Amino acid sequence: MVNLQAAALDRTFAALADPTRRALLARLDEEERLSVSELARPFPVSLPAIMKHLDVLSDAGLIERHKTGRVVTCRLKAAPMEQAMNWLARYQHYWTEQLDRLAAYLEEDSWPTSQASRSSGDSKRRRQGFTKPGRSRKK
């Protein structure tokens, strides 16, 4: 049996994966309601492409559409994003712990300071047996 909550979370993350859809959501966050044509105006893609993005966002439950006459307006619905944040929060302690360990390691005073870059002097010496730069074939 498919877990319905996991399927909803999958749709949310899939919808948020696209930068155009995230930009559409950001615009809806700035203004409470926008018509589809107002939403589409700043994007360099066609209106049918924007409509497909809005379909994905609607299927994920991230937006709500309302039609009045010939005008379709969209409104942000944040509940699915809250579920995604809750899922991500379960793993926050892991990354916080890992980053704290990395910071502690980098702050240790165990870096060798007495051995300044020895490779710079070594690279100036020419190895025996190699030809001079330039043409290698004789005619």
N, C-alpha and C. Protein backbone atom coordinates (compact mmCIF):
# COMPACT_ATOMS: atom_id res chain seq x y z
N MET A 1 0.84 -1.19 0.00
CA MET A 1 0.00 0.00 0.00
C MET A 1 0.89 1.25 0.00
N VAL A 2 0.56 2.21 -0.83
CA VAL A 2 1.32 3.44 -0.95
C VAL A 2 0.97 4.37 0.20
N ASN A 3 1.98 4.89 0.84
CA ASN A 3 1.77 5.84 1.92
C ASN A 3 1.36 7.17 1.31
N LEU A 4 0.14 7.62 1.59
CA LEU A 4 -0.37 8.85 0.98
C LEU A 4 0.41 10.07 1.43
N GLN A 5 0.87 10.08 2.67
CA GLN A 5 1.65 11.21 3.16
C GLN A 5 2.99 11.29 2.43
N ALA A 6 3.61 10.14 2.16
CA ALA A 6 4.88 10.13 1.43
C ALA A 6 4.67 10.58 -0.02
N ALA A 7 3.55 10.19 -0.62
CA ALA A 7 3.27 10.61 -1.99
C ALA A 7 3.07 12.13 -2.07
N ALA A 8 2.40 12.69 -1.07
CA ALA A 8 2.21 14.14 -1.04
C ALA A 8 3.55 14.86 -0.86
N LEU A 9 4.41 14.30 -0.02
CA LEU A 9 5.73 14.88 0.18
C LEU A 9 6.57 14.79 -1.09
N ASP A 10 6.46 13.68 -1.81
CA ASP A 10 7.17 13.54 -3.09
C ASP A 10 6.71 14.59 -4.08
N ARG A 11 5.40 14.83 -4.15
CA ARG A 11 4.89 15.85 -5.07
C ARG A 11 5.38 17.24 -4.68
N THR A 12 5.44 17.51 -3.38
CA THR A 12 5.92 18.81 -2.91
C THR A 12 7.36 19.04 -3.31
N PHE A 13 8.22 18.04 -3.03
CA PHE A 13 9.64 18.21 -3.37
C PHE A 13 9.84 18.27 -4.90
N ALA A 14 9.07 17.51 -5.65
CA ALA A 14 9.18 17.56 -7.11
C ALA A 14 8.77 18.94 -7.63
N ALA A 15 7.72 19.50 -7.05
CA ALA A 15 7.28 20.83 -7.48
C ALA A 15 8.31 21.89 -7.11
N LEU A 16 8.93 21.77 -5.95
CA LEU A 16 9.91 22.76 -5.50
C LEU A 16 11.26 22.61 -6.18
N ALA A 17 11.47 21.52 -6.89
CA ALA A 17 12.76 21.27 -7.53
C ALA A 17 13.02 22.19 -8.71
N ASP A 18 12.00 22.75 -9.31
CA ASP A 18 12.16 23.57 -10.50
C ASP A 18 12.29 25.05 -10.11
N PRO A 19 13.31 25.74 -10.64
CA PRO A 19 13.51 27.16 -10.27
C PRO A 19 12.37 28.08 -10.73
N THR A 20 11.75 27.78 -11.84
CA THR A 20 10.63 28.62 -12.30
C THR A 20 9.46 28.49 -11.34
N ARG A 21 9.19 27.28 -10.89
CA ARG A 21 8.09 27.09 -9.94
C ARG A 21 8.39 27.76 -8.60
N ARG A 22 9.65 27.70 -8.16
CA ARG A 22 10.01 28.40 -6.92
C ARG A 22 9.84 29.90 -7.08
N ALA A 23 10.17 30.43 -8.26
CA ALA A 23 10.00 31.86 -8.52
C ALA A 23 8.53 32.24 -8.54
N LEU A 24 7.69 31.37 -9.10
CA LEU A 24 6.24 31.62 -9.09
C LEU A 24 5.73 31.68 -7.66
N LEU A 25 6.18 30.75 -6.82
CA LEU A 25 5.76 30.75 -5.42
C LEU A 25 6.25 32.00 -4.70
N ALA A 26 7.46 32.45 -5.02
CA ALA A 26 7.99 33.66 -4.39
C ALA A 26 7.14 34.87 -4.76
N ARG A 27 6.71 34.93 -6.01
CA ARG A 27 5.83 36.04 -6.43
C ARG A 27 4.50 35.99 -5.69
N LEU A 28 3.97 34.79 -5.51
CA LEU A 28 2.70 34.65 -4.79
C LEU A 28 2.88 34.94 -3.30
N ASP A 29 4.09 34.78 -2.79
CA ASP A 29 4.35 35.12 -1.40
C ASP A 29 4.38 36.63 -1.21
N GLU A 30 4.82 37.36 -2.24
CA GLU A 30 4.88 38.82 -2.18
C GLU A 30 3.50 39.45 -2.28
N GLU A 31 2.64 38.89 -3.11
CA GLU A 31 1.28 39.42 -3.29
C GLU A 31 0.29 38.29 -3.03
N GLU A 32 -0.78 38.62 -2.34
CA GLU A 32 -1.72 37.58 -1.90
C GLU A 32 -2.37 36.83 -3.06
N ARG A 33 -2.84 37.54 -4.04
CA ARG A 33 -3.48 36.93 -5.21
C ARG A 33 -2.98 37.59 -6.47
N LEU A 34 -2.67 36.77 -7.46
CA LEU A 34 -2.26 37.28 -8.77
C LEU A 34 -2.96 36.49 -9.85
N SER A 35 -3.29 37.18 -10.94
CA SER A 35 -3.86 36.45 -12.07
C SER A 35 -2.73 35.69 -12.76
N VAL A 36 -3.11 34.71 -13.55
CA VAL A 36 -2.12 33.90 -14.27
C VAL A 36 -1.29 34.79 -15.20
N SER A 37 -1.93 35.73 -15.87
CA SER A 37 -1.18 36.60 -16.78
C SER A 37 -0.22 37.50 -16.01
N GLU A 38 -0.60 37.98 -14.82
CA GLU A 38 0.31 38.78 -14.00
C GLU A 38 1.49 37.93 -13.51
N LEU A 39 1.22 36.69 -13.16
CA LEU A 39 2.28 35.78 -12.74
C LEU A 39 3.26 35.50 -13.87
N ALA A 40 2.74 35.34 -15.07
CA ALA A 40 3.56 34.95 -16.21
C ALA A 40 4.39 36.10 -16.78
N ARG A 41 3.98 37.33 -16.52
CA ARG A 41 4.59 38.50 -17.16
C ARG A 41 6.12 38.55 -17.08
N PRO A 42 6.76 38.36 -15.93
CA PRO A 42 8.23 38.54 -15.90
C PRO A 42 9.04 37.35 -16.42
N PHE A 43 8.39 36.25 -16.77
CA PHE A 43 9.12 35.06 -17.17
C PHE A 43 9.29 34.99 -18.69
N PRO A 44 10.47 34.56 -19.14
CA PRO A 44 10.75 34.49 -20.58
C PRO A 44 10.24 33.20 -21.22
N VAL A 45 9.14 32.68 -20.72
CA VAL A 45 8.55 31.46 -21.29
C VAL A 45 7.12 31.75 -21.69
N SER A 46 6.54 30.86 -22.46
CA SER A 46 5.19 31.07 -22.97
C SER A 46 4.14 30.89 -21.87
N LEU A 47 2.97 31.42 -22.10
CA LEU A 47 1.86 31.27 -21.16
C LEU A 47 1.49 29.80 -20.97
N PRO A 48 1.45 28.97 -22.04
CA PRO A 48 1.17 27.55 -21.82
C PRO A 48 2.23 26.87 -20.92
N ALA A 49 3.48 27.29 -21.02
CA ALA A 49 4.52 26.72 -20.15
C ALA A 49 4.26 27.10 -18.70
N ILE A 50 3.86 28.35 -18.47
CA ILE A 50 3.53 28.79 -17.10
C ILE A 50 2.33 28.01 -16.58
N MET A 51 1.36 27.76 -17.46
CA MET A 51 0.18 26.99 -17.04
C MET A 51 0.57 25.58 -16.60
N LYS A 52 1.52 24.98 -17.30
CA LYS A 52 1.98 23.64 -16.90
C LYS A 52 2.67 23.69 -15.55
N HIS A 53 3.47 24.72 -15.31
CA HIS A 53 4.10 24.88 -14.00
C HIS A 53 3.03 25.05 -12.92
N LEU A 54 2.01 25.84 -13.21
CA LEU A 54 0.94 26.04 -12.24
C LEU A 54 0.17 24.75 -11.98
N ASP A 55 0.02 23.90 -13.00
CA ASP A 55 -0.62 22.59 -12.81
C ASP A 55 0.16 21.76 -11.80
N VAL A 56 1.48 21.75 -11.95
CA VAL A 56 2.32 20.97 -11.03
C VAL A 56 2.19 21.52 -9.61
N LEU A 57 2.23 22.85 -9.48
CA LEU A 57 2.10 23.46 -8.16
C LEU A 57 0.73 23.18 -7.55
N SER A 58 -0.29 23.20 -8.37
CA SER A 58 -1.64 22.92 -7.91
C SER A 58 -1.79 21.45 -7.49
N ASP A 59 -1.24 20.54 -8.28
CA ASP A 59 -1.30 19.11 -7.94
C ASP A 59 -0.57 18.81 -6.63
N ALA A 60 0.48 19.59 -6.34
CA ALA A 60 1.22 19.41 -5.10
C ALA A 60 0.52 20.10 -3.93
N GLY A 61 -0.53 20.85 -4.22
CA GLY A 61 -1.26 21.55 -3.17
C GLY A 61 -0.60 22.84 -2.71
N LEU A 62 0.35 23.34 -3.49
CA LEU A 62 1.09 24.54 -3.10
C LEU A 62 0.39 25.83 -3.50
N ILE A 63 -0.52 25.74 -4.47
CA ILE A 63 -1.30 26.92 -4.84
C ILE A 63 -2.77 26.52 -4.95
N GLU A 64 -3.60 27.53 -4.90
CA GLU A 64 -5.04 27.36 -5.09
C GLU A 64 -5.44 28.30 -6.21
N ARG A 65 -6.22 27.80 -7.17
CA ARG A 65 -6.67 28.63 -8.29
C ARG A 65 -8.17 28.88 -8.15
N HIS A 66 -8.54 30.10 -8.52
CA HIS A 66 -9.94 30.49 -8.47
C HIS A 66 -10.28 31.24 -9.75
N LYS A 67 -11.36 30.83 -10.41
CA LYS A 67 -11.74 31.44 -11.67
C LYS A 67 -12.96 32.35 -11.46
N THR A 68 -12.82 33.60 -11.92
CA THR A 68 -13.91 34.56 -11.90
C THR A 68 -14.07 35.08 -13.32
N GLY A 69 -15.11 34.64 -13.99
CA GLY A 69 -15.29 35.00 -15.39
C GLY A 69 -14.19 34.34 -16.21
N ARG A 70 -13.40 35.17 -16.89
CA ARG A 70 -12.30 34.62 -17.70
C ARG A 70 -10.95 34.74 -17.01
N VAL A 71 -10.94 35.30 -15.79
CA VAL A 71 -9.69 35.54 -15.08
C VAL A 71 -9.47 34.47 -14.03
N VAL A 72 -8.31 33.83 -14.10
CA VAL A 72 -7.91 32.82 -13.11
C VAL A 72 -6.87 33.45 -12.21
N THR A 73 -7.17 33.45 -10.90
CA THR A 73 -6.21 33.98 -9.94
C THR A 73 -5.62 32.82 -9.13
N CYS A 74 -4.41 33.04 -8.66
CA CYS A 74 -3.72 32.02 -7.88
C CYS A 74 -3.37 32.58 -6.51
N ARG A 75 -3.36 31.68 -5.54
CA ARG A 75 -3.03 32.05 -4.16
C ARG A 75 -2.14 30.97 -3.58
N LEU A 76 -1.15 31.37 -2.81
CA LEU A 76 -0.21 30.46 -2.19
C LEU A 76 -0.86 29.69 -1.05
N LYS A 77 -0.58 28.40 -0.98
CA LYS A 77 -0.99 27.56 0.15
C LYS A 77 0.28 26.93 0.72
N ALA A 78 0.62 27.26 1.95
CA ALA A 78 1.91 26.87 2.51
C ALA A 78 1.90 25.55 3.27
N ALA A 79 0.76 24.93 3.47
CA ALA A 79 0.70 23.71 4.29
C ALA A 79 1.63 22.60 3.78
N PRO A 80 1.69 22.32 2.47
CA PRO A 80 2.61 21.27 2.02
C PRO A 80 4.08 21.61 2.29
N MET A 81 4.42 22.90 2.25
CA MET A 81 5.81 23.29 2.54
C MET A 81 6.12 23.08 4.01
N GLU A 82 5.13 23.23 4.87
CA GLU A 82 5.33 22.97 6.30
C GLU A 82 5.64 21.49 6.52
N GLN A 83 4.94 20.61 5.81
CA GLN A 83 5.22 19.18 5.91
C GLN A 83 6.63 18.87 5.43
N ALA A 84 7.07 19.53 4.36
CA ALA A 84 8.43 19.34 3.86
C ALA A 84 9.46 19.84 4.87
N MET A 85 9.19 20.98 5.49
CA MET A 85 10.10 21.51 6.52
C MET A 85 10.19 20.57 7.72
N ASN A 86 9.07 19.99 8.11
CA ASN A 86 9.09 19.04 9.22
C ASN A 86 9.93 17.82 8.87
N TRP A 87 9.83 17.36 7.64
CA TRP A 87 10.63 16.21 7.20
C TRP A 87 12.12 16.57 7.23
N LEU A 88 12.46 17.75 6.72
CA LEU A 88 13.85 18.20 6.71
C LEU A 88 14.39 18.42 8.11
N ALA A 89 13.54 18.89 9.03
CA ALA A 89 13.98 19.16 10.40
C ALA A 89 14.48 17.90 11.10
N ARG A 90 13.94 16.74 10.72
CA ARG A 90 14.41 15.49 11.32
C ARG A 90 15.88 15.25 11.04
N TYR A 91 16.38 15.77 9.94
CA TYR A 91 17.76 15.54 9.55
C TYR A 91 18.67 16.72 9.89
N GLN A 92 18.11 17.78 10.43
CA GLN A 92 18.90 18.96 10.76
C GLN A 92 19.94 18.64 11.82
N HIS A 93 19.59 17.85 12.81
CA HIS A 93 20.55 17.53 13.87
C HIS A 93 21.77 16.80 13.31
N TYR A 94 21.55 15.96 12.31
CA TYR A 94 22.67 15.23 11.70
C TYR A 94 23.64 16.21 11.06
N TRP A 95 23.13 17.12 10.24
CA TRP A 95 24.01 18.06 9.55
C TRP A 95 24.64 19.04 10.52
N THR A 96 23.91 19.46 11.54
CA THR A 96 24.47 20.35 12.54
C THR A 96 25.64 19.67 13.23
N GLU A 97 25.46 18.41 13.60
CA GLU A 97 26.53 17.65 14.25
C GLU A 97 27.74 17.49 13.34
N GLN A 98 27.51 17.17 12.07
CA GLN A 98 28.61 17.00 11.13
C GLN A 98 29.37 18.31 10.91
N LEU A 99 28.63 19.41 10.76
CA LEU A 99 29.28 20.70 10.55
C LEU A 99 30.04 21.16 11.80
N ASP A 100 29.51 20.84 12.99
CA ASP A 100 30.23 21.16 14.22
C ASP A 100 31.54 20.39 14.30
N ARG A 101 31.52 19.11 13.91
CA ARG A 101 32.74 18.31 13.90
C ARG A 101 33.75 18.86 12.90
N LEU A 102 33.28 19.28 11.73
CA LEU A 102 34.17 19.87 10.73
C LEU A 102 34.79 21.15 11.25
N ALA A 103 33.99 22.01 11.89
CA ALA A 103 34.51 23.26 12.45
C ALA A 103 35.56 22.99 13.51
N ALA A 104 35.32 22.00 14.37
CA ALA A 104 36.29 21.66 15.41
C ALA A 104 37.58 21.17 14.78
N TYR A 105 37.49 20.37 13.75
CA TYR A 105 38.67 19.85 13.07
C TYR A 105 39.48 20.98 12.44
N LEU A 106 38.79 21.90 11.79
CA LEU A 106 39.47 23.02 11.13
C LEU A 106 40.10 23.99 12.12
N GLU A 107 39.53 24.07 13.32
CA GLU A 107 40.07 24.97 14.33
C GLU A 107 41.24 24.38 15.10
N GLU A 108 41.50 23.08 14.94
CA GLU A 108 42.63 22.46 15.60
C GLU A 108 43.92 23.13 15.15
N ASP A 109 44.89 23.18 16.05
CA ASP A 109 46.16 23.82 15.73
C ASP A 109 47.19 22.79 15.28
N SER A 110 46.76 21.84 14.45
CA SER A 110 47.66 20.76 14.05
C SER A 110 48.13 20.90 12.61
N TRP A 111 47.93 22.03 11.99
CA TRP A 111 48.37 22.22 10.62
C TRP A 111 49.88 22.43 10.60
N PRO A 112 50.60 21.78 9.72
CA PRO A 112 52.07 21.96 9.66
C PRO A 112 52.42 23.35 9.13
N THR A 113 53.15 24.10 9.96
CA THR A 113 53.53 25.46 9.55
C THR A 113 55.00 25.54 9.18
N SER A 114 55.82 24.57 9.62
CA SER A 114 57.25 24.66 9.36
C SER A 114 57.61 24.25 7.94
N GLN A 115 56.77 23.50 7.28
CA GLN A 115 57.07 23.04 5.93
C GLN A 115 56.35 23.92 4.92
N ALA A 116 56.96 25.05 4.62
CA ALA A 116 56.39 25.91 3.59
C ALA A 116 56.51 25.19 2.26
N SER A 117 55.76 25.55 1.34
CA SER A 117 55.64 24.87 0.05
C SER A 117 57.00 24.50 -0.54
N ARG A 118 57.38 23.24 -0.35
CA ARG A 118 58.65 22.78 -0.88
C ARG A 118 58.52 22.45 -2.36
N SER A 119 57.34 22.27 -2.84
CA SER A 119 57.18 21.85 -4.23
C SER A 119 57.56 22.95 -5.21
N SER A 120 57.53 24.21 -4.77
CA SER A 120 57.85 25.28 -5.71
C SER A 120 59.32 25.24 -6.12
N GLY A 121 60.22 24.90 -5.20
CA GLY A 121 61.63 24.80 -5.54
C GLY A 121 61.93 23.55 -6.34
N ASP A 122 61.24 22.47 -6.03
CA ASP A 122 61.47 21.21 -6.72
C ASP A 122 61.04 21.26 -8.17
N SER A 123 60.05 22.05 -8.48
CA SER A 123 59.52 22.05 -9.83
C SER A 123 60.43 22.77 -10.82
N LYS A 124 61.38 23.55 -10.31
CA LYS A 124 62.27 24.29 -11.20
C LYS A 124 63.35 23.40 -11.80
N ARG A 125 63.68 22.33 -11.09
CA ARG A 125 64.71 21.44 -11.61
C ARG A 125 64.17 20.65 -12.79
N ARG A 126 65.02 20.49 -13.81
CA ARG A 126 64.63 19.73 -14.99
C ARG A 126 65.08 18.29 -14.80
N ARG A 127 64.16 17.38 -15.05
CA ARG A 127 64.50 15.96 -14.93
C ARG A 127 65.35 15.51 -16.10
N GLN A 128 66.21 14.56 -15.84
CA GLN A 128 67.08 14.01 -16.89
C GLN A 128 66.26 13.15 -17.83
N GLY A 129 66.58 13.19 -19.10
CA GLY A 129 65.95 12.30 -20.07
C GLY A 129 64.79 12.92 -20.82
N PHE A 130 64.33 14.08 -20.39
CA PHE A 130 63.23 14.72 -21.09
C PHE A 130 63.78 15.67 -22.14
N THR A 131 63.05 15.82 -23.22
CA THR A 131 63.48 16.73 -24.29
C THR A 131 63.06 18.14 -23.96
N LYS A 132 63.66 19.08 -24.64
CA LYS A 132 63.30 20.48 -24.45
C LYS A 132 61.91 20.73 -25.03
N PRO A 133 61.22 21.72 -24.52
CA PRO A 133 59.91 22.04 -25.06
C PRO A 133 60.02 22.43 -26.53
N GLY A 134 58.99 22.15 -27.28
CA GLY A 134 58.98 22.50 -28.70
C GLY A 134 58.70 21.27 -29.53
N ARG A 135 59.18 21.27 -30.76
CA ARG A 135 58.92 20.15 -31.67
C ARG A 135 59.63 18.90 -31.16
N SER A 136 58.95 17.80 -31.21
CA SER A 136 59.56 16.56 -30.75
C SER A 136 59.89 15.64 -31.91
N ARG A 137 59.31 15.85 -33.07
CA ARG A 137 59.60 14.99 -34.22
C ARG A 137 60.60 15.65 -35.14
N LYS A 138 61.47 14.83 -35.67
CA LYS A 138 62.44 15.35 -36.66
C LYS A 138 61.92 15.03 -38.04
N LYS A 139 62.19 15.91 -38.97
CA LYS A 139 61.75 15.70 -40.35
C LYS A 139 62.88 15.30 -41.20
